[in-house]
Protein backbone atom coordinates (compact mmCIF):
# COMPACT_ATOMS: atom_id res chain seq x y z
CA MET A 1 -24.99 -61.41 -39.47
CA LYS A 2 -23.25 -63.30 -42.24
CA GLY A 3 -23.34 -66.51 -40.16
CA GLN A 4 -21.15 -65.21 -37.37
CA LYS A 5 -22.21 -65.29 -33.75
CA LEU A 6 -21.95 -62.21 -31.59
CA THR A 7 -19.93 -62.20 -28.39
CA LYS A 8 -21.68 -61.24 -25.15
CA LYS A 9 -20.04 -57.80 -25.25
CA GLN A 10 -21.03 -57.25 -28.87
CA LEU A 11 -24.61 -58.21 -28.07
CA ALA A 12 -24.58 -55.83 -25.09
CA VAL A 13 -23.30 -53.01 -27.32
CA LEU A 14 -25.92 -53.80 -29.96
CA ASN A 15 -28.75 -53.86 -27.39
CA PHE A 16 -27.52 -50.60 -25.84
CA ILE A 17 -27.48 -48.88 -29.24
CA GLU A 18 -30.98 -50.15 -30.02
CA ASP A 19 -32.44 -49.08 -26.65
CA TYR A 20 -30.69 -45.70 -26.68
CA THR A 21 -31.81 -44.96 -30.23
CA GLU A 22 -35.43 -45.84 -29.43
CA GLU A 23 -35.41 -43.58 -26.37
CA ASN A 24 -33.52 -40.62 -27.86
CA GLY A 25 -34.24 -40.67 -31.58
CA HIS A 26 -30.54 -40.90 -32.48
CA SER A 27 -27.72 -43.31 -31.83
CA PRO A 28 -25.41 -42.91 -28.84
CA SER A 29 -21.87 -41.59 -28.98
CA TYR A 30 -19.02 -43.97 -28.32
CA ARG A 31 -18.48 -42.25 -24.95
CA GLU A 32 -22.15 -42.80 -24.01
CA ILE A 33 -21.85 -46.48 -24.92
CA CYS A 34 -18.66 -46.70 -22.85
CA GLU A 35 -20.29 -45.11 -19.81
CA GLY A 36 -23.61 -46.93 -20.25
CA LEU A 37 -21.99 -50.35 -20.33
CA GLY A 38 -19.11 -49.66 -17.96
CA LEU A 39 -16.49 -50.50 -20.58
CA SER A 40 -12.84 -49.72 -19.97
CA SER A 41 -12.29 -47.21 -22.77
CA VAL A 42 -13.76 -45.56 -25.84
CA SER A 43 -11.27 -47.54 -27.93
CA ALA A 44 -12.87 -50.76 -26.60
CA VAL A 45 -16.23 -49.46 -27.85
CA ALA A 46 -14.69 -48.60 -31.23
CA GLU A 47 -13.33 -52.13 -31.53
CA HIS A 48 -16.75 -53.65 -30.75
CA ILE A 49 -18.42 -51.30 -33.24
CA ASP A 50 -15.88 -52.16 -35.95
CA ASN A 51 -16.48 -55.87 -35.35
CA LEU A 52 -20.26 -55.39 -35.53
CA VAL A 53 -19.85 -53.49 -38.82
CA THR A 54 -17.64 -56.30 -40.17
CA LYS A 55 -20.26 -58.87 -39.17
CA GLY A 56 -22.91 -56.88 -41.03
CA VAL A 57 -25.03 -56.15 -37.96
CA ILE A 58 -24.70 -52.38 -37.91
CA ARG A 59 -23.74 -49.65 -40.33
CA LYS A 60 -22.00 -46.36 -39.60
CA THR A 61 -21.25 -43.32 -41.71
CA PRO A 62 -17.53 -42.48 -41.53
CA GLY A 63 -16.85 -39.00 -40.18
CA GLU A 64 -20.43 -38.50 -39.04
CA ALA A 65 -21.32 -38.42 -35.34
CA ARG A 66 -24.17 -40.56 -34.02
CA SER A 67 -24.52 -42.42 -37.30
CA LEU A 68 -24.79 -45.96 -35.95
CA GLU A 69 -27.66 -47.84 -37.55
CA ILE A 70 -28.73 -51.37 -36.71
CA LEU A 71 -29.38 -53.25 -39.91
CA ASP A 72 -32.80 -54.86 -40.14
CA TYR A 73 -32.99 -58.01 -42.22
CA LYS A 74 -36.69 -57.34 -42.72
CA HIS A 75 -35.98 -54.43 -45.08
CA THR A 76 -38.09 -54.29 -48.20
CA GLU A 77 -34.97 -54.76 -50.33
CA THR A 78 -34.20 -58.06 -48.63
CA VAL A 79 -37.77 -59.33 -49.00
CA ASN A 80 -37.78 -58.35 -52.68
CA LEU A 81 -34.45 -60.12 -53.24
CA PHE A 82 -35.80 -63.31 -51.69
CA LYS A 83 -38.97 -63.11 -53.78
CA SER A 84 -37.05 -62.61 -57.04
CA LYS A 85 -34.71 -65.50 -56.24
CA MET A 86 -37.70 -67.74 -55.44
CA MET A 87 -39.18 -67.17 -58.93
CA ASP A 88 -36.13 -68.60 -60.71
CA ALA A 89 -35.25 -71.28 -58.16
CA SER A 90 -35.75 -75.02 -58.37
CA LEU A 91 -38.05 -76.66 -55.82
CA GLU A 92 -35.05 -77.64 -53.72
CA GLU A 93 -33.64 -74.10 -53.85
CA GLN A 94 -37.07 -72.67 -52.99
CA ALA A 95 -37.18 -74.84 -49.88
CA VAL A 96 -33.74 -73.57 -48.81
CA LEU A 97 -34.73 -69.95 -49.49
CA ALA A 98 -37.99 -70.38 -47.58
CA GLN A 99 -36.12 -71.82 -44.62
CA ALA A 100 -33.59 -68.96 -44.69
CA ALA A 101 -36.41 -66.40 -44.87
CA GLU A 102 -38.09 -68.04 -41.89
CA ILE A 103 -34.87 -67.94 -39.87
CA LEU A 104 -34.49 -64.24 -40.69
CA GLY A 105 -38.13 -63.58 -39.84
CA LEU A 106 -39.00 -62.36 -43.33
CA GLU A 107 -42.62 -62.21 -44.47
CA LEU A 108 -42.55 -63.40 -48.09
CA GLY A 109 -46.35 -63.80 -48.46
């Protein structure tokens, strides 16, 4: 999340996208998010989505419907990056990296 906290509405949007995607096999439309959360307009949803993209929490493919994807910090690429950084790091840096990996819930072992 790049160190930024989510607002209550952003968290609600994120949770709705996650639940909907699990149940339906694809992400919801902006209109479905609007209706599902009782938001005032589709433009309000778009603003929340844009903010979540900016914060690095979700990704969307421009021009493609139902392309919302929640980013998982447990991706193999992230784990591999942490492992490679650990090899070249000082003991102090390793401790910081280990703590960051723990916060993110990464399995480095």
